[in-house]
C-alpha atoms as a PDB file:
ATOM      1  CA  MET A   1      14.587  26.251 113.688  1.00  0.00           C
ATOM      2  CA  PHE A   2      12.200  24.359 111.667  1.00  0.00           C
ATOM      3  CA  SER A   3      11.667  24.444 107.153  1.00  0.00           C
ATOM      4  CA  ILE A   4       9.032  24.037 105.432  1.00  0.00           C
ATOM      5  CA  ASN A   5       9.471  22.180 102.217  1.00  0.00           C
ATOM      6  CA  ARG A   6       6.482  22.688  99.608  1.00  0.00           C
ATOM      7  CA  ASP A   7       6.970  23.227  95.988  1.00  0.00           C
ATOM      8  CA  THR A   8       8.232  26.994  94.727  1.00  0.00           C
ATOM      9  CA  SER A   9       7.565  25.927  91.321  1.00  0.00           C
ATOM     10  CA  THR A  10       4.481  28.491  90.271  1.00  0.00           C
ATOM     11  CA  MET A  11       4.795  30.817  92.701  1.00  0.00           C
ATOM     12  CA  GLY A  12       4.907  33.662  91.606  1.00  0.00           C
ATOM     13  CA  LYS A  13       3.849  33.337  87.748  1.00  0.00           C
ATOM     14  CA  ASN A  14       1.685  35.117  86.109  1.00  0.00           C
ATOM     15  CA  ASP A  15      -0.414  35.112  83.010  1.00  0.00           C
ATOM     16  CA  GLN A  16       2.758  37.726  81.002  1.00  0.00           C
ATOM     17  CA  ASP A  17       4.907  34.728  82.054  1.00  0.00           C
ATOM     18  CA  ASP A  18       3.545  32.149  79.324  1.00  0.00           C
ATOM     19  CA  ASN A  19       5.129  34.434  76.391  1.00  0.00           C
ATOM     20  CA  LYS A  20       8.486  34.372  78.093  1.00  0.00           C
ATOM     21  CA  PRO A  21      11.081  31.113  77.277  1.00  0.00           C
ATOM     22  CA  GLU A  22      10.567  29.479  79.919  1.00  0.00           C
ATOM     23  CA  HIS A  23      14.697  29.432  80.360  1.00  0.00           C
ATOM     24  CA  GLU A  24      16.999  32.212  78.918  1.00  0.00           C
ATOM     25  CA  SER A  25      20.206  31.619  80.221  1.00  0.00           C
ATOM     26  CA  LYS A  26      22.251  33.812  82.583  1.00  0.00           C
ATOM     27  CA  ILE A  27      25.438  35.495  81.407  1.00  0.00           C
ATOM     28  CA  VAL A  28      28.817  35.008  83.679  1.00  0.00           C
ATOM     29  CA  ILE A  29      31.316  38.335  83.270  1.00  0.00           C
ATOM     30  CA  ARG A  30      34.431  36.815  84.077  1.00  0.00           C
ATOM     31  CA  GLY A  31      36.691  38.738  85.897  1.00  0.00           C
ATOM     32  CA  GLU A  32      40.079  38.539  83.624  1.00  0.00           C
ATOM     33  CA  THR A  33      41.102  40.087  79.765  1.00  0.00           C
ATOM     34  CA  GLU A  34      40.333  38.595  76.207  1.00  0.00           C
ATOM     35  CA  ALA A  35      44.374  38.482  76.619  1.00  0.00           C
ATOM     36  CA  GLY A  36      44.113  36.259  79.520  1.00  0.00           C
ATOM     37  CA  GLU A  37      44.950  38.329  82.556  1.00  0.00           C
ATOM     38  CA  LYS A  38      42.787  38.537  85.550  1.00  0.00           C
ATOM     39  CA  PHE A  39      40.748  41.969  86.282  1.00  0.00           C
ATOM     40  CA  ARG A  40      41.857  44.218  88.665  1.00  0.00           C
ATOM     41  CA  PRO A  41      40.393  45.847  91.428  1.00  0.00           C
ATOM     42  CA  SER A  42      40.019  42.017  93.661  1.00  0.00           C
ATOM     43  CA  ASP A  43      36.986  42.893  94.876  1.00  0.00           C
ATOM     44  CA  TRP A  44      35.245  43.994  91.140  1.00  0.00           C
ATOM     45  CA  ALA A  45      32.638  41.755  91.375  1.00  0.00           C
ATOM     46  CA  GLU A  46      31.431  42.538  94.568  1.00  0.00           C
ATOM     47  CA  ARG A  47      31.364  46.129  93.730  1.00  0.00           C
ATOM     48  CA  MET A  48      29.230  46.064  90.954  1.00  0.00           C
ATOM     49  CA  SER A  49      26.674  43.261  92.271  1.00  0.00           C
ATOM     50  CA  GLY A  50      26.444  45.835  95.358  1.00  0.00           C
ATOM     51  CA  ASN A  51      24.257  47.820  92.739  1.00  0.00           C
ATOM     52  CA  LEU A  52      21.152  45.644  93.638  1.00  0.00           C
ATOM     53  CA  SER A  53      22.236  44.610  97.479  1.00  0.00           C
ATOM     54  CA  THR A  54      20.374  45.278 100.201  1.00  0.00           C
ATOM     55  CA  PHE A  55      22.166  45.302 103.720  1.00  0.00           C
ATOM     56  CA  ARG A  56      20.399  44.208 107.003  1.00  0.00           C
ATOM     57  CA  ASN A  57      21.020  42.802 109.959  1.00  0.00           C
ATOM     58  CA  HIS A  58      24.778  43.172 109.737  1.00  0.00           C
ATOM     59  CA  ARG A  59      24.851  41.170 106.431  1.00  0.00           C
ATOM     60  CA  ILE A  60      25.024  41.924 102.268  1.00  0.00           C
ATOM     61  CA  TYR A  61      22.097  40.109 100.097  1.00  0.00           C
ATOM     62  CA  TYR A  62      22.308  40.011  96.681  1.00  0.00           C
ATOM     63  CA  SER A  63      20.394  40.310  94.016  1.00  0.00           C
ATOM     64  CA  PRO A  64      19.225  36.790  92.259  1.00  0.00           C
ATOM     65  CA  LEU A  65      19.458  39.136  89.084  1.00  0.00           C
ATOM     66  CA  LEU A  66      22.980  40.261  89.805  1.00  0.00           C
ATOM     67  CA  GLN A  67      25.595  38.429  91.441  1.00  0.00           C
ATOM     68  CA  PRO A  68      29.070  37.792  92.399  1.00  0.00           C
ATOM     69  CA  SER A  69      30.224  33.786  91.492  1.00  0.00           C
ATOM     70  CA  VAL A  70      33.693  32.055  91.584  1.00  0.00           C
ATOM     71  CA  LYS A  71      34.285  29.062  88.397  1.00  0.00           C
ATOM     72  CA  GLY A  72      37.267  27.697  88.134  1.00  0.00           C
ATOM     73  CA  GLY A  73      38.476  29.928  90.442  1.00  0.00           C
ATOM     74  CA  THR A  74      37.943  33.368  88.494  1.00  0.00           C
ATOM     75  CA  LYS A  75      35.986  35.643  90.078  1.00  0.00           C
ATOM     76  CA  CYS A  76      32.539  36.324  88.070  1.00  0.00           C
ATOM     77  CA  VAL A  77      29.592  38.107  87.781  1.00  0.00           C
ATOM     78  CA  THR A  78      26.025  36.311  86.822  1.00  0.00           C
ATOM     79  CA  LEU A  79      23.769  38.669  85.106  1.00  0.00           C
ATOM     80  CA  ASP A  80      20.251  37.630  84.961  1.00  0.00           C
ATOM     81  CA  PRO A  81      18.667  38.096  81.462  1.00  0.00           C
ATOM     82  CA  ALA A  82      15.640  39.175  83.486  1.00  0.00           C
ATOM     83  CA  LEU A  83      17.852  42.278  84.409  1.00  0.00           C
ATOM     84  CA  LYS A  84      17.143  43.956  80.774  1.00  0.00           C
ATOM     85  CA  GLU A  85      13.531  43.434  81.452  1.00  0.00           C
ATOM     86  CA  SER A  86      13.356  45.111  85.390  1.00  0.00           C
ATOM     87  CA  ASN A  87      16.620  47.724  85.479  1.00  0.00           C
ATOM     88  CA  PRO A  88      17.177  48.309  81.061  1.00  0.00           C
ATOM     89  CA  THR A  89      19.706  51.116  82.179  1.00  0.00           C
ATOM     90  CA  LEU A  90      22.329  49.078  84.263  1.00  0.00           C
ATOM     91  CA  TYR A  91      21.367  46.002  82.306  1.00  0.00           C
ATOM     92  CA  GLN A  92      23.133  48.166  79.593  1.00  0.00           C
ATOM     93  CA  SER A  93      25.783  49.927  81.980  1.00  0.00           C
ATOM     94  CA  ILE A  94      27.049  46.460  83.062  1.00  0.00           C
ATOM     95  CA  LEU A  95      27.493  44.761  79.870  1.00  0.00           C
ATOM     96  CA  ASP A  96      29.307  47.865  78.628  1.00  0.00           C
ATOM     97  CA  PHE A  97      31.567  48.449  81.446  1.00  0.00           C
ATOM     98  CA  ALA A  98      32.078  45.077  79.796  1.00  0.00           C
ATOM     99  CA  LYS A  99      32.958  45.374  76.842  1.00  0.00           C
ATOM    100  CA  ASN A 100      35.125  48.393  77.564  1.00  0.00           C
ATOM    101  CA  ASN A 101      37.388  47.034  79.664  1.00  0.00           C
ATOM    102  CA  ASN A 102      36.982  43.257  77.514  1.00  0.00           C
ATOM    103  CA  LEU A 103      36.460  40.489  79.734  1.00  0.00           C
ATOM    104  CA  VAL A 104      35.893  37.719  79.000  1.00  0.00           C
ATOM    105  CA  ILE A 105      31.434  37.418  78.629  1.00  0.00           C
ATOM    106  CA  CYS A 106      29.724  33.901  78.153  1.00  0.00           C
ATOM    107  CA  LYS A 107      26.313  32.870  78.893  1.00  0.00           C
ATOM    108  CA  GLU A 108      26.909  30.035  81.540  1.00  0.00           C
ATOM    109  CA  ASP A 109      26.082  27.046  79.839  1.00  0.00           C
ATOM    110  CA  ASP A 110      28.978  27.343  78.133  1.00  0.00           C
ATOM    111  CA  GLU A 111      30.483  27.205  81.756  1.00  0.00           C
END
């Protein structure tokens, strides 16, 4: 097995990207309520991230737009703001779910 090092900083860019901000922080939805209680079920982050996942070669591959993660020992979902452009309905339903369940929502940079 070998790897190829190549500059990917310009891959996939087009003229439309020039009008967008360079870096918008990802949104982190923490698996704890605003009251500090652990959110259940314990696999909620994987279930939510499964909306954009694919399955091949007996493995789940999560989309970079919606991924389960662990921050400070707490299960979280990391939501890329680009999802708002590609799938606004899913983006809004995820935020609505978090708000309806009083989950802590913050920016990745705030972590």
